[in-house]
Amino acid sequence: MPMSTACKPPLIDHFADLDDPRVDRTKEHPLINVLFIAIRAVISGAEGGSDMETFGESKREWLGQFLDLSNGTPSDDTFRRVISRLDPTAFENRFRRWTAAVKRWMEQENEKQSDVKQSDVKQSDVKNNDSDSSSEAIIALDGKTLRESFGDRPTGTSGRA
């Protein structure tokens, strides 16, 4: 079931107008597919093209909810070739806009959560150097939910791409 992006800052929208440095006849995979998979893979711990390819293959069903994968997922060579030819300043600008939008969205979600679920916040006494105690909220966040990295993985694997 496709997840709703109505309230989330869609990565795809922030990179949609980035210039594709490839020649038209060599574009087997849309640029947004390469970028979406690469960024999600790096967020999940990928360290290079091979890890990105593995991530794309292992998350193909999930990725198919957002991307047209009729030509499959990009190879490690495709990731390296495309990413190395991108305009770094243009990519950085879009990446910064996307992360700023994610930050704003998370702040709004945190405000909603604290309004609705105040009883779920556990309090912890924190002692300062003067032996006075104060309360500080500790909020547990599910990293997989924040990264949107769901899906099954083979038994016995660490989950790293």
C-alpha atoms as a PDB file:
ATOM      1  CA  MET A   1       0.000   0.000   0.000  1.00  0.00           C
ATOM      2  CA  PRO A   2       1.522   3.338  -1.021  1.00  0.00           C
ATOM      3  CA  MET A   3       2.252   5.610   1.888  1.00  0.00           C
ATOM      4  CA  SER A   4       0.684   9.021   1.979  1.00  0.00           C
ATOM      5  CA  THR A   5       3.024  11.852   1.107  1.00  0.00           C
ATOM      6  CA  ALA A   6       0.397  14.533   1.682  1.00  0.00           C
ATOM      7  CA  CYS A   7       1.988  15.650   4.940  1.00  0.00           C
ATOM      8  CA  LYS A   8       5.579  14.612   4.242  1.00  0.00           C
ATOM      9  CA  PRO A   9       8.141  16.568   2.219  1.00  0.00           C
ATOM     10  CA  PRO A  10       8.538  14.431  -0.916  1.00  0.00           C
ATOM     11  CA  LEU A  11      12.137  13.932  -1.931  1.00  0.00           C
ATOM     12  CA  ILE A  12      11.040  13.497  -5.535  1.00  0.00           C
ATOM     13  CA  ASP A  13       9.559  17.005  -5.722  1.00  0.00           C
ATOM     14  CA  HIS A  14      12.759  18.641  -4.486  1.00  0.00           C
ATOM     15  CA  PHE A  15      14.921  16.986  -7.157  1.00  0.00           C
ATOM     16  CA  ALA A  16      12.475  16.946 -10.092  1.00  0.00           C
ATOM     17  CA  ASP A  17      14.058  19.924 -11.864  1.00  0.00           C
ATOM     18  CA  LEU A  18      17.706  18.861 -11.446  1.00  0.00           C
ATOM     19  CA  ASP A  19      19.435  18.708 -14.850  1.00  0.00           C
ATOM     20  CA  ASP A  20      20.204  15.184 -16.041  1.00  0.00           C
ATOM     21  CA  PRO A  21      23.802  15.179 -17.361  1.00  0.00           C
ATOM     22  CA  ARG A  22      23.278  12.069 -19.512  1.00  0.00           C
ATOM     23  CA  VAL A  23      22.680  11.860 -23.254  1.00  0.00           C
ATOM     24  CA  ASP A  24      19.011  11.023 -23.940  1.00  0.00           C
ATOM     25  CA  ARG A  25      19.759   7.708 -25.650  1.00  0.00           C
ATOM     26  CA  THR A  26      21.670   6.468 -22.572  1.00  0.00           C
ATOM     27  CA  LYS A  27      18.894   7.103 -20.048  1.00  0.00           C
ATOM     28  CA  GLU A  28      17.730   3.615 -19.097  1.00  0.00           C
ATOM     29  CA  HIS A  29      16.671   4.811 -15.634  1.00  0.00           C
ATOM     30  CA  PRO A  30      15.075   8.208 -14.947  1.00  0.00           C
ATOM     31  CA  LEU A  31      17.361  10.545 -12.988  1.00  0.00           C
ATOM     32  CA  ILE A  32      14.882  10.709 -10.124  1.00  0.00           C
ATOM     33  CA  ASN A  33      15.101   6.908  -9.740  1.00  0.00           C
ATOM     34  CA  VAL A  34      18.877   7.066  -9.448  1.00  0.00           C
ATOM     35  CA  LEU A  35      18.742   9.948  -6.952  1.00  0.00           C
ATOM     36  CA  PHE A  36      15.847   8.606  -4.868  1.00  0.00           C
ATOM     37  CA  ILE A  37      17.462   5.189  -4.458  1.00  0.00           C
ATOM     38  CA  ALA A  38      20.939   6.659  -3.866  1.00  0.00           C
ATOM     39  CA  ILE A  39      19.776   9.089  -1.173  1.00  0.00           C
ATOM     40  CA  ARG A  40      17.615   6.499   0.588  1.00  0.00           C
ATOM     41  CA  ALA A  41      20.471   3.982   0.414  1.00  0.00           C
ATOM     42  CA  VAL A  42      22.987   6.425   1.912  1.00  0.00           C
ATOM     43  CA  ILE A  43      20.536   7.298   4.703  1.00  0.00           C
ATOM     44  CA  SER A  44      20.370   3.558   5.388  1.00  0.00           C
ATOM     45  CA  GLY A  45      24.163   3.219   5.535  1.00  0.00           C
ATOM     46  CA  ALA A  46      25.245   2.633   1.929  1.00  0.00           C
ATOM     47  CA  GLU A  47      28.820   3.651   1.203  1.00  0.00           C
ATOM     48  CA  GLY A  48      29.053   3.395  -2.581  1.00  0.00           C
ATOM     49  CA  GLY A  49      27.498   2.314  -5.855  1.00  0.00           C
ATOM     50  CA  SER A  50      27.545  -1.385  -4.993  1.00  0.00           C
ATOM     51  CA  ASP A  51      25.695  -0.768  -1.711  1.00  0.00           C
ATOM     52  CA  MET A  52      23.191   1.438  -3.554  1.00  0.00           C
ATOM     53  CA  GLU A  53      22.547  -1.314  -6.093  1.00  0.00           C
ATOM     54  CA  THR A  54      22.041  -3.871  -3.301  1.00  0.00           C
ATOM     55  CA  PHE A  55      19.669  -1.495  -1.503  1.00  0.00           C
ATOM     56  CA  GLY A  56      17.664  -0.914  -4.695  1.00  0.00           C
ATOM     57  CA  GLU A  57      17.332  -4.624  -5.368  1.00  0.00           C
ATOM     58  CA  SER A  58      16.400  -5.492  -1.785  1.00  0.00           C
ATOM     59  CA  LYS A  59      13.810  -2.681  -1.515  1.00  0.00           C
ATOM     60  CA  ARG A  60      12.425  -2.977  -5.037  1.00  0.00           C
ATOM     61  CA  GLU A  61       8.832  -3.643  -3.956  1.00  0.00           C
ATOM     62  CA  TRP A  62       8.832  -0.657  -1.590  1.00  0.00           C
ATOM     63  CA  LEU A  63      10.586   1.605  -4.118  1.00  0.00           C
ATOM     64  CA  GLY A  64       8.023   0.618  -6.755  1.00  0.00           C
ATOM     65  CA  GLN A  65       5.394   2.503  -4.742  1.00  0.00           C
ATOM     66  CA  PHE A  66       7.156   5.760  -5.641  1.00  0.00           C
ATOM     67  CA  LEU A  67       9.159   5.082  -8.811  1.00  0.00           C
ATOM     68  CA  ASP A  68       8.662   3.576 -12.255  1.00  0.00           C
ATOM     69  CA  LEU A  69      10.964   0.556 -12.081  1.00  0.00           C
ATOM     70  CA  SER A  70       9.931  -0.980 -15.407  1.00  0.00           C
ATOM     71  CA  ASN A  71      13.644  -1.132 -16.353  1.00  0.00           C
ATOM     72  CA  GLY A  72      14.615  -2.525 -12.957  1.00  0.00           C
ATOM     73  CA  THR A  73      16.866  -0.772 -10.504  1.00  0.00           C
ATOM     74  CA  PRO A  74      20.104   0.965 -11.533  1.00  0.00           C
ATOM     75  CA  SER A  75      23.417  -0.905 -11.423  1.00  0.00           C
ATOM     76  CA  ASP A  76      26.376   0.153  -9.317  1.00  0.00           C
ATOM     77  CA  ASP A  77      28.051   1.535 -12.464  1.00  0.00           C
ATOM     78  CA  THR A  78      24.957   3.621 -13.235  1.00  0.00           C
ATOM     79  CA  PHE A  79      24.969   5.119  -9.735  1.00  0.00           C
ATOM     80  CA  ARG A  80      28.663   6.003  -9.970  1.00  0.00           C
ATOM     81  CA  ARG A  81      28.452   7.359 -13.512  1.00  0.00           C
ATOM     82  CA  VAL A  82      25.348   9.505 -12.958  1.00  0.00           C
ATOM     83  CA  ILE A  83      26.263  10.862  -9.529  1.00  0.00           C
ATOM     84  CA  SER A  84      29.788  11.785 -10.641  1.00  0.00           C
ATOM     85  CA  ARG A  85      28.388  13.885 -13.507  1.00  0.00           C
ATOM     86  CA  LEU A  86      25.821  15.863 -11.495  1.00  0.00           C
ATOM     87  CA  ASP A  87      26.320  19.574 -10.900  1.00  0.00           C
ATOM     88  CA  PRO A  88      27.418  19.470  -7.228  1.00  0.00           C
ATOM     89  CA  THR A  89      26.115  22.957  -6.403  1.00  0.00           C
ATOM     90  CA  ALA A  90      22.692  22.294  -7.923  1.00  0.00           C
ATOM     91  CA  PHE A  91      22.477  18.946  -6.115  1.00  0.00           C
ATOM     92  CA  GLU A  92      23.544  20.506  -2.809  1.00  0.00           C
ATOM     93  CA  ASN A  93      20.941  23.284  -3.108  1.00  0.00           C
ATOM     94  CA  ARG A  94      18.138  20.799  -3.673  1.00  0.00           C
ATOM     95  CA  PHE A  95      19.400  18.491  -0.932  1.00  0.00           C
ATOM     96  CA  ARG A  96      19.510  21.379   1.548  1.00  0.00           C
ATOM     97  CA  ARG A  97      15.956  22.424   0.612  1.00  0.00           C
ATOM     98  CA  TRP A  98      14.748  18.844   1.063  1.00  0.00           C
ATOM     99  CA  THR A  99      16.446  18.395   4.456  1.00  0.00           C
ATOM    100  CA  ALA A 100      15.085  21.769   5.626  1.00  0.00           C
ATOM    101  CA  ALA A 101      11.594  20.633   4.596  1.00  0.00           C
ATOM    102  CA  VAL A 102      12.092  17.336   6.458  1.00  0.00           C
ATOM    103  CA  LYS A 103      13.182  19.270   9.553  1.00  0.00           C
ATOM    104  CA  ARG A 104      10.098  21.509   9.397  1.00  0.00           C
ATOM    105  CA  TRP A 105       7.843  18.484   8.886  1.00  0.00           C
ATOM    106  CA  MET A 106       9.429  16.647  11.846  1.00  0.00           C
ATOM    107  CA  GLU A 107       9.029  19.698  14.079  1.00  0.00           C
ATOM    108  CA  GLN A 108       5.335  19.912  13.142  1.00  0.00           C
ATOM    109  CA  GLU A 109       4.875  16.184  13.765  1.00  0.00           C
ATOM    110  CA  ASN A 110       6.627  16.457  17.129  1.00  0.00           C
ATOM    111  CA  GLU A 111       4.322  19.323  18.111  1.00  0.00           C
ATOM    112  CA  LYS A 112       1.274  17.248  17.140  1.00  0.00           C
ATOM    113  CA  GLN A 113       2.587  14.235  19.016  1.00  0.00           C
ATOM    114  CA  SER A 114       3.340  16.195  22.170  1.00  0.00           C
ATOM    115  CA  ASP A 115      -0.135  17.734  22.096  1.00  0.00           C
ATOM    116  CA  VAL A 116      -1.889  14.402  21.569  1.00  0.00           C
ATOM    117  CA  LYS A 117       0.295  11.955  23.460  1.00  0.00           C
ATOM    118  CA  GLN A 118       1.647  13.932  26.395  1.00  0.00           C
ATOM    119  CA  SER A 119       1.060  10.886  28.580  1.00  0.00           C
ATOM    120  CA  ASP A 120       3.481   8.822  26.445  1.00  0.00           C
ATOM    121  CA  VAL A 121       6.431  11.035  27.280  1.00  0.00           C
ATOM    122  CA  LYS A 122       8.513   9.534  30.062  1.00  0.00           C
ATOM    123  CA  GLN A 123      10.019  11.924  32.549  1.00  0.00           C
ATOM    124  CA  SER A 124      13.540  11.542  33.857  1.00  0.00           C
ATOM    125  CA  ASP A 125      15.119  13.448  36.724  1.00  0.00           C
ATOM    126  CA  VAL A 126      18.420  14.932  35.706  1.00  0.00           C
ATOM    127  CA  LYS A 127      20.789  16.070  38.443  1.00  0.00           C
ATOM    128  CA  ASN A 128      22.953  19.093  37.796  1.00  0.00           C
ATOM    129  CA  ASN A 129      26.211  20.017  39.516  1.00  0.00           C
ATOM    130  CA  ASP A 130      24.353  21.820  42.329  1.00  0.00           C
ATOM    131  CA  SER A 131      22.474  18.597  43.203  1.00  0.00           C
ATOM    132  CA  ASP A 132      19.214  20.252  42.165  1.00  0.00           C
ATOM    133  CA  SER A 133      16.946  18.047  40.088  1.00  0.00           C
ATOM    134  CA  SER A 134      14.942  19.023  37.064  1.00  0.00           C
ATOM    135  CA  SER A 135      12.765  17.085  34.673  1.00  0.00           C
ATOM    136  CA  GLU A 136      13.675  16.560  31.062  1.00  0.00           C
ATOM    137  CA  ALA A 137      11.477  14.828  28.491  1.00  0.00           C
ATOM    138  CA  ILE A 138      12.872  11.732  26.812  1.00  0.00           C
ATOM    139  CA  ILE A 139      11.178  10.865  23.547  1.00  0.00           C
ATOM    140  CA  ALA A 140      11.799   7.522  21.854  1.00  0.00           C
ATOM    141  CA  LEU A 141      11.807   7.734  18.062  1.00  0.00           C
ATOM    142  CA  ASP A 142      11.738   4.785  15.685  1.00  0.00           C
ATOM    143  CA  GLY A 143      14.598   5.299  13.220  1.00  0.00           C
ATOM    144  CA  LYS A 144      13.043   3.070  10.570  1.00  0.00           C
ATOM    145  CA  THR A 145       9.900   5.183  10.646  1.00  0.00           C
ATOM    146  CA  LEU A 146      11.882   8.416  10.344  1.00  0.00           C
ATOM    147  CA  ARG A 147      13.950   7.042   7.451  1.00  0.00           C
ATOM    148  CA  GLU A 148      10.943   5.303   5.895  1.00  0.00           C
ATOM    149  CA  SER A 149      13.121   2.205   5.477  1.00  0.00           C
ATOM    150  CA  PHE A 150      10.610  -0.553   5.879  1.00  0.00           C
ATOM    151  CA  GLY A 151      10.515  -3.950   4.280  1.00  0.00           C
ATOM    152  CA  ASP A 152      11.551  -7.484   4.856  1.00  0.00           C
ATOM    153  CA  ARG A 153      15.153  -8.537   4.789  1.00  0.00           C
ATOM    154  CA  PRO A 154      16.552 -12.025   4.597  1.00  0.00           C
ATOM    155  CA  THR A 155      16.938 -13.787   7.942  1.00  0.00           C
ATOM    156  CA  GLY A 156      20.406 -13.505   9.404  1.00  0.00           C
ATOM    157  CA  THR A 157      21.364 -10.215   7.769  1.00  0.00           C
ATOM    158  CA  SER A 158      22.191  -7.041   9.573  1.00  0.00           C
ATOM    159  CA  GLY A 159      19.972  -4.923   7.362  1.00  0.00           C
ATOM    160  CA  ARG A 160      22.860  -2.794   6.101  1.00  0.00           C
ATOM    161  CA  ALA A 161      22.778  -2.154   2.399  1.00  0.00           C
END
